[in-house]
N, C-alpha and C. Protein backbone atom coordinates (compact mmCIF):
# COMPACT_ATOMS: atom_id res chain seq x y z
N MET A 1 -34.55 -41.04 89.08
CA MET A 1 -34.29 -40.66 87.72
C MET A 1 -33.57 -39.32 87.67
N LYS A 2 -33.99 -38.38 88.52
CA LYS A 2 -33.34 -37.08 88.58
C LYS A 2 -31.88 -37.24 89.01
N ASN A 3 -31.60 -38.16 89.93
CA ASN A 3 -30.25 -38.44 90.40
C ASN A 3 -29.38 -38.96 89.26
N ARG A 4 -29.96 -39.83 88.44
CA ARG A 4 -29.22 -40.42 87.35
C ARG A 4 -28.84 -39.35 86.31
N VAL A 5 -29.72 -38.43 85.98
CA VAL A 5 -29.45 -37.36 85.03
C VAL A 5 -28.37 -36.45 85.57
N MET A 6 -28.44 -36.14 86.87
CA MET A 6 -27.45 -35.28 87.48
C MET A 6 -26.05 -35.91 87.47
N ARG A 7 -25.97 -37.22 87.77
CA ARG A 7 -24.69 -37.92 87.73
C ARG A 7 -24.13 -37.93 86.30
N SER A 8 -24.96 -38.12 85.34
CA SER A 8 -24.54 -38.15 83.94
C SER A 8 -23.96 -36.79 83.53
N ASN A 9 -24.60 -35.68 83.94
CA ASN A 9 -24.09 -34.35 83.63
C ASN A 9 -22.75 -34.08 84.30
N ILE A 10 -22.59 -34.54 85.52
CA ILE A 10 -21.32 -34.34 86.24
C ILE A 10 -20.21 -35.10 85.55
N GLN A 11 -20.47 -36.35 85.13
CA GLN A 11 -19.44 -37.14 84.46
C GLN A 11 -19.08 -36.53 83.11
N GLU A 12 -20.07 -36.04 82.36
CA GLU A 12 -19.79 -35.39 81.09
C GLU A 12 -18.99 -34.12 81.31
N SER A 13 -19.31 -33.39 82.36
CA SER A 13 -18.59 -32.16 82.68
C SER A 13 -17.14 -32.44 83.01
N ARG A 14 -16.90 -33.50 83.79
CA ARG A 14 -15.51 -33.87 84.13
C ARG A 14 -14.74 -34.27 82.88
N GLY A 15 -15.32 -35.04 82.00
CA GLY A 15 -14.67 -35.45 80.76
C GLY A 15 -14.40 -34.27 79.85
N PHE A 16 -15.36 -33.35 79.78
CA PHE A 16 -15.19 -32.16 78.95
C PHE A 16 -14.08 -31.28 79.50
N THR A 17 -13.95 -31.14 80.80
CA THR A 17 -12.89 -30.35 81.41
C THR A 17 -11.52 -30.95 81.11
N LEU A 18 -11.40 -32.26 81.13
CA LEU A 18 -10.14 -32.93 80.81
C LEU A 18 -9.74 -32.66 79.36
N VAL A 19 -10.70 -32.72 78.44
CA VAL A 19 -10.44 -32.42 77.03
C VAL A 19 -10.00 -30.97 76.88
N GLU A 20 -10.65 -30.05 77.59
CA GLU A 20 -10.26 -28.64 77.52
C GLU A 20 -8.84 -28.43 78.02
N ILE A 21 -8.49 -29.09 79.10
CA ILE A 21 -7.13 -28.96 79.65
C ILE A 21 -6.10 -29.48 78.65
N ILE A 22 -6.35 -30.62 78.05
CA ILE A 22 -5.41 -31.19 77.07
C ILE A 22 -5.30 -30.28 75.85
N LEU A 23 -6.44 -29.78 75.39
CA LEU A 23 -6.43 -28.87 74.23
C LEU A 23 -5.68 -27.57 74.54
N ALA A 24 -5.94 -26.98 75.70
CA ALA A 24 -5.26 -25.74 76.07
C ALA A 24 -3.76 -25.97 76.22
N THR A 25 -3.37 -27.08 76.83
CA THR A 25 -1.96 -27.41 76.98
C THR A 25 -1.30 -27.57 75.61
N SER A 26 -1.98 -28.22 74.69
CA SER A 26 -1.43 -28.41 73.34
C SER A 26 -1.25 -27.07 72.63
N ILE A 27 -2.24 -26.19 72.76
CA ILE A 27 -2.14 -24.88 72.12
C ILE A 27 -0.98 -24.08 72.69
N PHE A 28 -0.86 -24.05 74.02
CA PHE A 28 0.26 -23.32 74.64
C PHE A 28 1.60 -23.93 74.25
N THR A 29 1.68 -25.25 74.19
CA THR A 29 2.93 -25.92 73.81
C THR A 29 3.31 -25.54 72.39
N MET A 30 2.36 -25.60 71.47
CA MET A 30 2.65 -25.24 70.08
C MET A 30 3.05 -23.77 69.96
N PHE A 31 2.40 -22.90 70.73
CA PHE A 31 2.73 -21.49 70.72
C PHE A 31 4.17 -21.26 71.19
N PHE A 32 4.54 -21.86 72.31
CA PHE A 32 5.89 -21.67 72.84
C PHE A 32 6.94 -22.33 71.96
N LEU A 33 6.62 -23.47 71.35
CA LEU A 33 7.57 -24.11 70.42
C LEU A 33 7.80 -23.23 69.19
N SER A 34 6.71 -22.66 68.66
CA SER A 34 6.88 -21.81 67.48
C SER A 34 7.69 -20.57 67.82
N ILE A 35 7.49 -20.00 68.98
CA ILE A 35 8.29 -18.83 69.39
C ILE A 35 9.75 -19.23 69.57
N SER A 36 9.99 -20.39 70.18
CA SER A 36 11.39 -20.81 70.37
C SER A 36 12.06 -21.10 69.03
N PHE A 37 11.35 -21.68 68.05
CA PHE A 37 11.92 -21.90 66.72
C PHE A 37 12.22 -20.58 66.03
N PHE A 38 11.33 -19.60 66.20
CA PHE A 38 11.56 -18.28 65.62
C PHE A 38 12.84 -17.66 66.19
N TYR A 39 13.00 -17.70 67.52
CA TYR A 39 14.20 -17.12 68.13
C TYR A 39 15.45 -17.90 67.76
N LYS A 40 15.34 -19.20 67.60
CA LYS A 40 16.49 -20.01 67.18
C LYS A 40 16.92 -19.60 65.77
N LYS A 41 15.93 -19.42 64.88
CA LYS A 41 16.24 -19.00 63.51
C LYS A 41 16.85 -17.60 63.51
N ALA A 42 16.29 -16.71 64.31
CA ALA A 42 16.83 -15.34 64.40
C ALA A 42 18.27 -15.37 64.92
N LEU A 43 18.56 -16.23 65.87
CA LEU A 43 19.92 -16.36 66.40
C LEU A 43 20.87 -16.89 65.32
N ASP A 44 20.43 -17.89 64.56
CA ASP A 44 21.25 -18.43 63.47
C ASP A 44 21.56 -17.36 62.43
N VAL A 45 20.55 -16.60 62.03
CA VAL A 45 20.75 -15.54 61.05
C VAL A 45 21.70 -14.48 61.59
N SER A 46 21.55 -14.15 62.86
CA SER A 46 22.43 -13.17 63.50
C SER A 46 23.87 -13.65 63.51
N GLN A 47 24.09 -14.91 63.84
CA GLN A 47 25.45 -15.45 63.86
C GLN A 47 26.04 -15.51 62.46
N ASP A 48 25.23 -15.88 61.45
CA ASP A 48 25.72 -15.89 60.07
C ASP A 48 26.07 -14.48 59.60
N THR A 49 25.25 -13.51 59.98
CA THR A 49 25.52 -12.12 59.62
C THR A 49 26.80 -11.62 60.27
N THR A 50 26.99 -11.95 61.52
CA THR A 50 28.22 -11.56 62.23
C THR A 50 29.45 -12.15 61.55
N ALA A 51 29.37 -13.42 61.17
CA ALA A 51 30.49 -14.07 60.48
C ALA A 51 30.76 -13.41 59.14
N HIS A 52 29.72 -13.05 58.43
CA HIS A 52 29.88 -12.39 57.12
C HIS A 52 30.52 -11.01 57.28
N ILE A 53 30.10 -10.27 58.28
CA ILE A 53 30.69 -8.94 58.53
C ILE A 53 32.17 -9.10 58.89
N GLN A 54 32.48 -10.06 59.75
CA GLN A 54 33.87 -10.28 60.14
C GLN A 54 34.71 -10.69 58.94
N SER A 55 34.13 -11.49 58.04
CA SER A 55 34.88 -11.88 56.85
C SER A 55 35.21 -10.66 55.99
N GLY A 56 34.30 -9.69 55.95
CA GLY A 56 34.57 -8.45 55.22
C GLY A 56 35.76 -7.70 55.80
N TYR A 57 35.85 -7.68 57.12
CA TYR A 57 37.00 -7.04 57.76
C TYR A 57 38.29 -7.80 57.46
N PHE A 58 38.23 -9.13 57.44
CA PHE A 58 39.42 -9.91 57.11
C PHE A 58 39.84 -9.70 55.66
N LEU A 59 38.87 -9.54 54.76
CA LEU A 59 39.21 -9.24 53.36
C LEU A 59 39.89 -7.89 53.26
N GLU A 60 39.34 -6.90 53.94
CA GLU A 60 39.95 -5.56 53.92
C GLU A 60 41.37 -5.60 54.49
N GLU A 61 41.53 -6.32 55.60
CA GLU A 61 42.86 -6.45 56.19
C GLU A 61 43.82 -7.14 55.21
N GLY A 62 43.32 -8.14 54.49
CA GLY A 62 44.17 -8.86 53.53
C GLY A 62 44.66 -7.96 52.41
N ILE A 63 43.78 -7.13 51.88
CA ILE A 63 44.18 -6.19 50.82
C ILE A 63 45.24 -5.22 51.36
N GLU A 64 45.01 -4.71 52.56
CA GLU A 64 45.98 -3.79 53.16
C GLU A 64 47.32 -4.50 53.40
N ALA A 65 47.29 -5.77 53.81
CA ALA A 65 48.53 -6.53 54.04
C ALA A 65 49.30 -6.69 52.73
N ILE A 66 48.60 -6.99 51.64
CA ILE A 66 49.26 -7.13 50.34
C ILE A 66 49.86 -5.80 49.89
N LYS A 67 49.16 -4.71 50.15
CA LYS A 67 49.71 -3.39 49.81
C LYS A 67 50.95 -3.08 50.65
N LEU A 68 50.94 -3.49 51.91
CA LEU A 68 52.14 -3.29 52.74
C LEU A 68 53.30 -4.13 52.23
N MET A 69 53.01 -5.36 51.81
CA MET A 69 54.07 -6.20 51.23
C MET A 69 54.64 -5.53 49.99
N ARG A 70 53.76 -4.97 49.16
CA ARG A 70 54.20 -4.25 47.96
C ARG A 70 55.09 -3.06 48.34
N ASP A 71 54.68 -2.31 49.35
CA ASP A 71 55.42 -1.12 49.75
C ASP A 71 56.80 -1.46 50.32
N VAL A 72 56.90 -2.58 51.02
CA VAL A 72 58.19 -3.00 51.57
C VAL A 72 59.14 -3.40 50.45
N SER A 73 58.67 -4.23 49.52
CA SER A 73 59.51 -4.62 48.39
C SER A 73 58.68 -5.35 47.33
N TRP A 74 58.42 -4.66 46.24
CA TRP A 74 57.71 -5.27 45.13
C TRP A 74 58.50 -6.45 44.59
N THR A 75 59.80 -6.25 44.43
CA THR A 75 60.66 -7.25 43.82
C THR A 75 60.67 -8.56 44.59
N SER A 76 60.78 -8.52 45.90
CA SER A 76 60.87 -9.77 46.66
C SER A 76 59.52 -10.26 47.20
N ASN A 77 58.54 -9.38 47.36
CA ASN A 77 57.27 -9.81 47.97
C ASN A 77 56.14 -10.07 46.98
N ILE A 78 56.11 -9.37 45.86
CA ILE A 78 54.99 -9.51 44.92
C ILE A 78 55.45 -10.13 43.60
N ALA A 79 56.51 -9.60 43.02
CA ALA A 79 56.96 -10.06 41.70
C ALA A 79 57.35 -11.54 41.70
N THR A 80 57.77 -12.07 42.83
CA THR A 80 58.21 -13.47 42.90
C THR A 80 57.06 -14.46 43.08
N LEU A 81 55.84 -13.97 43.32
CA LEU A 81 54.70 -14.87 43.51
C LEU A 81 54.27 -15.47 42.17
N SER A 82 54.06 -16.77 42.15
CA SER A 82 53.70 -17.47 40.91
C SER A 82 52.22 -17.27 40.59
N PRO A 83 51.92 -16.86 39.38
CA PRO A 83 50.51 -16.69 38.99
C PRO A 83 49.75 -18.02 39.10
N GLY A 84 48.52 -17.94 39.62
CA GLY A 84 47.67 -19.12 39.74
C GLY A 84 47.89 -19.95 40.98
N THR A 85 48.93 -19.66 41.74
CA THR A 85 49.20 -20.41 42.97
C THR A 85 48.40 -19.81 44.12
N THR A 86 47.88 -20.66 44.99
CA THR A 86 47.14 -20.18 46.15
C THR A 86 48.12 -19.88 47.28
N TYR A 87 48.05 -18.67 47.78
CA TYR A 87 48.89 -18.22 48.89
C TYR A 87 48.02 -17.83 50.09
N TYR A 88 48.64 -17.85 51.24
CA TYR A 88 47.99 -17.42 52.49
C TYR A 88 48.84 -16.33 53.10
N LEU A 89 48.20 -15.39 53.76
CA LEU A 89 48.93 -14.31 54.43
C LEU A 89 49.36 -14.78 55.81
N TYR A 90 50.60 -14.48 56.14
CA TYR A 90 51.13 -14.87 57.45
C TYR A 90 51.74 -13.64 58.12
N TRP A 91 51.32 -13.38 59.35
CA TRP A 91 51.85 -12.28 60.16
C TRP A 91 52.82 -12.87 61.17
N ASP A 92 54.10 -12.50 61.08
CA ASP A 92 55.09 -13.06 62.01
C ASP A 92 55.30 -12.21 63.25
N GLY A 93 54.52 -11.20 63.41
CA GLY A 93 54.65 -10.30 64.56
C GLY A 93 55.20 -8.95 64.17
N SER A 94 55.84 -8.88 63.00
CA SER A 94 56.38 -7.59 62.57
C SER A 94 56.17 -7.32 61.08
N ILE A 95 55.92 -8.36 60.28
CA ILE A 95 55.79 -8.17 58.84
C ILE A 95 54.86 -9.22 58.25
N TRP A 96 54.14 -8.83 57.21
CA TRP A 96 53.28 -9.76 56.48
C TRP A 96 54.10 -10.47 55.41
N THR A 97 53.85 -11.77 55.25
CA THR A 97 54.49 -12.54 54.18
C THR A 97 53.46 -13.45 53.53
N ALA A 98 53.78 -13.88 52.33
CA ALA A 98 52.94 -14.84 51.62
C ALA A 98 53.54 -16.23 51.81
N THR A 99 52.68 -17.20 52.09
CA THR A 99 53.12 -18.57 52.27
C THR A 99 52.13 -19.51 51.61
N THR A 100 52.59 -20.69 51.26
CA THR A 100 51.68 -21.70 50.70
C THR A 100 51.15 -22.62 51.80
N THR A 101 51.55 -22.38 53.05
CA THR A 101 51.06 -23.16 54.18
C THR A 101 49.73 -22.58 54.66
N LEU A 102 48.75 -23.44 54.80
CA LEU A 102 47.41 -23.03 55.23
C LEU A 102 47.48 -22.26 56.55
N GLN A 103 46.80 -21.13 56.59
CA GLN A 103 46.72 -20.29 57.79
C GLN A 103 45.26 -20.10 58.15
N LYS A 104 44.92 -20.34 59.41
CA LYS A 104 43.55 -20.14 59.89
C LYS A 104 43.49 -18.85 60.69
N LEU A 105 42.39 -18.13 60.58
CA LEU A 105 42.15 -16.93 61.36
C LEU A 105 41.11 -17.28 62.43
N GLU A 106 41.46 -17.10 63.67
CA GLU A 106 40.57 -17.39 64.79
C GLU A 106 40.02 -18.81 64.74
N ASN A 107 40.80 -19.73 64.22
CA ASN A 107 40.42 -21.14 64.08
C ASN A 107 39.12 -21.34 63.31
N THR A 108 38.71 -20.37 62.53
CA THR A 108 37.44 -20.45 61.81
C THR A 108 37.60 -20.10 60.34
N TYR A 109 38.27 -19.01 60.04
CA TYR A 109 38.33 -18.47 58.68
C TYR A 109 39.62 -18.90 57.99
N THR A 110 39.50 -19.15 56.69
CA THR A 110 40.66 -19.42 55.85
C THR A 110 40.73 -18.31 54.80
N ARG A 111 41.81 -17.54 54.84
CA ARG A 111 42.00 -16.44 53.89
C ARG A 111 43.13 -16.80 52.95
N SER A 112 42.85 -16.75 51.67
CA SER A 112 43.86 -17.07 50.66
C SER A 112 43.79 -16.04 49.54
N PHE A 113 44.85 -16.01 48.75
CA PHE A 113 44.83 -15.13 47.58
C PHE A 113 45.59 -15.76 46.43
N VAL A 114 45.21 -15.32 45.24
CA VAL A 114 45.84 -15.78 44.01
C VAL A 114 46.28 -14.55 43.23
N VAL A 115 47.48 -14.63 42.68
CA VAL A 115 48.04 -13.53 41.88
C VAL A 115 47.92 -13.91 40.41
N GLU A 116 47.53 -12.94 39.59
CA GLU A 116 47.46 -13.16 38.14
C GLU A 116 48.24 -12.04 37.44
N ASN A 117 48.86 -12.41 36.33
CA ASN A 117 49.53 -11.40 35.51
C ASN A 117 48.49 -10.50 34.85
N VAL A 118 48.90 -9.30 34.51
CA VAL A 118 48.01 -8.32 33.89
C VAL A 118 48.58 -7.97 32.51
N SER A 119 47.69 -7.91 31.54
CA SER A 119 48.09 -7.51 30.19
C SER A 119 47.44 -6.19 29.84
N ARG A 120 48.16 -5.39 29.03
CA ARG A 120 47.65 -4.08 28.61
C ARG A 120 47.69 -3.99 27.09
N ASP A 121 46.73 -3.22 26.56
CA ASP A 121 46.70 -3.01 25.11
C ASP A 121 47.58 -1.81 24.75
N GLY A 122 47.55 -1.40 23.49
CA GLY A 122 48.38 -0.29 23.00
C GLY A 122 48.06 1.04 23.65
N ASN A 123 46.85 1.19 24.21
CA ASN A 123 46.46 2.43 24.90
C ASN A 123 46.70 2.36 26.40
N ASP A 124 47.42 1.33 26.85
CA ASP A 124 47.76 1.13 28.27
C ASP A 124 46.54 0.74 29.12
N ASN A 125 45.48 0.24 28.47
CA ASN A 125 44.31 -0.24 29.20
C ASN A 125 44.48 -1.72 29.55
N ILE A 126 44.00 -2.12 30.70
CA ILE A 126 44.05 -3.53 31.09
C ILE A 126 43.07 -4.30 30.23
N VAL A 127 43.54 -5.42 29.66
CA VAL A 127 42.70 -6.27 28.83
C VAL A 127 42.72 -7.69 29.36
N SER A 128 41.63 -8.42 29.15
CA SER A 128 41.55 -9.79 29.66
C SER A 128 42.22 -10.78 28.72
N SER A 129 42.36 -10.44 27.44
CA SER A 129 43.08 -11.32 26.52
C SER A 129 43.85 -10.47 25.52
N GLY A 130 44.93 -11.06 25.03
CA GLY A 130 45.80 -10.32 24.13
C GLY A 130 46.61 -9.30 24.91
N GLY A 131 47.15 -8.34 24.22
CA GLY A 131 47.93 -7.31 24.88
C GLY A 131 49.31 -7.79 25.28
N VAL A 132 50.00 -6.93 26.00
CA VAL A 132 51.38 -7.18 26.44
C VAL A 132 51.39 -7.28 27.95
N ASN A 133 52.14 -8.25 28.47
CA ASN A 133 52.23 -8.43 29.92
C ASN A 133 52.83 -7.18 30.58
N ASP A 134 52.20 -6.74 31.67
CA ASP A 134 52.70 -5.60 32.45
C ASP A 134 53.31 -6.16 33.74
N PRO A 135 54.65 -6.26 33.81
CA PRO A 135 55.27 -6.85 35.00
C PRO A 135 55.14 -5.97 36.24
N GLY A 136 54.72 -4.74 36.09
CA GLY A 136 54.58 -3.84 37.23
C GLY A 136 53.16 -3.78 37.78
N THR A 137 52.28 -4.65 37.29
CA THR A 137 50.89 -4.69 37.78
C THR A 137 50.47 -6.15 37.94
N LYS A 138 49.81 -6.45 39.03
CA LYS A 138 49.29 -7.80 39.28
C LYS A 138 47.83 -7.69 39.72
N LYS A 139 47.05 -8.66 39.30
CA LYS A 139 45.66 -8.75 39.75
C LYS A 139 45.64 -9.71 40.94
N ILE A 140 45.02 -9.26 42.03
CA ILE A 140 44.93 -10.07 43.26
C ILE A 140 43.47 -10.45 43.48
N THR A 141 43.23 -11.72 43.68
CA THR A 141 41.91 -12.20 44.07
C THR A 141 42.06 -12.78 45.46
N LEU A 142 41.43 -12.13 46.43
CA LEU A 142 41.50 -12.53 47.83
C LEU A 142 40.21 -13.24 48.20
N ASN A 143 40.32 -14.42 48.78
CA ASN A 143 39.17 -15.23 49.16
C ASN A 143 39.20 -15.50 50.65
N ILE A 144 38.01 -15.61 51.23
CA ILE A 144 37.90 -16.03 52.62
C ILE A 144 36.74 -17.01 52.71
N SER A 145 36.94 -18.08 53.45
CA SER A 145 35.88 -19.07 53.61
C SER A 145 35.81 -19.48 55.07
N TRP A 146 34.63 -19.93 55.47
CA TRP A 146 34.42 -20.38 56.84
C TRP A 146 33.23 -21.32 56.87
N MET A 147 33.18 -22.14 57.91
CA MET A 147 32.07 -23.05 58.10
C MET A 147 30.91 -22.27 58.70
N ARG A 148 29.77 -22.33 58.06
CA ARG A 148 28.59 -21.62 58.56
C ARG A 148 28.13 -22.20 59.89
N HIS A 149 27.45 -21.38 60.66
CA HIS A 149 26.94 -21.78 61.96
C HIS A 149 26.09 -23.04 61.84
N GLY A 150 26.32 -23.97 62.75
CA GLY A 150 25.55 -25.21 62.74
C GLY A 150 25.99 -26.18 61.66
N ASN A 151 27.23 -26.03 61.16
CA ASN A 151 27.76 -26.88 60.10
C ASN A 151 26.82 -26.97 58.89
N LYS A 152 26.31 -25.82 58.47
CA LYS A 152 25.38 -25.76 57.34
C LYS A 152 26.11 -25.48 56.04
N GLY A 153 27.32 -25.94 55.93
CA GLY A 153 28.08 -25.75 54.70
C GLY A 153 29.10 -24.62 54.84
N THR A 154 29.84 -24.42 53.79
CA THR A 154 30.89 -23.41 53.78
C THR A 154 30.38 -22.14 53.13
N ALA A 155 30.73 -21.02 53.72
CA ALA A 155 30.42 -19.71 53.15
C ALA A 155 31.71 -19.10 52.60
N ASN A 156 31.59 -18.32 51.55
CA ASN A 156 32.76 -17.72 50.90
C ASN A 156 32.49 -16.26 50.57
N ASP A 157 33.53 -15.46 50.68
CA ASP A 157 33.52 -14.09 50.20
C ASP A 157 34.82 -13.87 49.45
N SER A 158 34.81 -12.96 48.49
CA SER A 158 36.06 -12.67 47.77
C SER A 158 36.04 -11.23 47.30
N ILE A 159 37.24 -10.77 46.97
CA ILE A 159 37.41 -9.41 46.46
C ILE A 159 38.59 -9.44 45.48
N GLN A 160 38.52 -8.60 44.47
CA GLN A 160 39.61 -8.50 43.49
C GLN A 160 40.10 -7.07 43.44
N THR A 161 41.40 -6.93 43.24
CA THR A 161 41.99 -5.62 43.09
C THR A 161 43.28 -5.75 42.28
N TYR A 162 43.80 -4.62 41.89
CA TYR A 162 45.08 -4.57 41.18
C TYR A 162 46.09 -3.88 42.09
N VAL A 163 47.30 -4.37 42.09
CA VAL A 163 48.39 -3.69 42.78
C VAL A 163 49.47 -3.38 41.74
N THR A 164 50.07 -2.23 41.90
CA THR A 164 51.12 -1.81 40.97
C THR A 164 52.38 -1.48 41.74
N ASN A 165 53.48 -1.50 41.05
CA ASN A 165 54.76 -1.19 41.65
C ASN A 165 54.93 0.32 41.72
N LEU A 166 54.18 0.93 42.63
CA LEU A 166 54.18 2.40 42.75
C LEU A 166 55.55 2.97 43.14
N LEU A 167 56.24 2.27 44.02
CA LEU A 167 57.50 2.79 44.56
C LEU A 167 58.74 2.35 43.78
N SER A 168 58.51 1.57 42.70
CA SER A 168 59.61 1.05 41.88
C SER A 168 60.68 0.41 42.76
N ASN A 169 60.25 -0.48 43.63
CA ASN A 169 61.22 -1.11 44.55
C ASN A 169 61.23 -2.61 44.33
């Protein structure tokens, strides 16, 4: 009888040890999976942040490119652009130009801009409606878009500014 009780305790002990091993393995697996998901999410956020920062630099570069086009020749580079038309900036190696042909930056970003006429009231203030058209001032809306990391949709940034014919050229 004593032998039978001892065998029963040994078998229960072996079964209990197997359950402990499976439970411990499950806990460690869940722990490591949760840590790996956390780092994956942190990496995704980091890559999205990097893309957003880079888009800011491309927007800044775009505004500077439009100002350079203005400085070279308002008459041929800015005044001839049709209001409401989407344009892309093109660098030919020596000069910036506006084109209606899609241009990609680093095979990821699409930078475009739209020119709008500007109207002024009797006090020479810019107004959104009414007023008189000011041919020496244009409103520029520069947009940049890119596919978010992991194909999670498109992200967009934009900036607006006014350019004027400072050099009367």
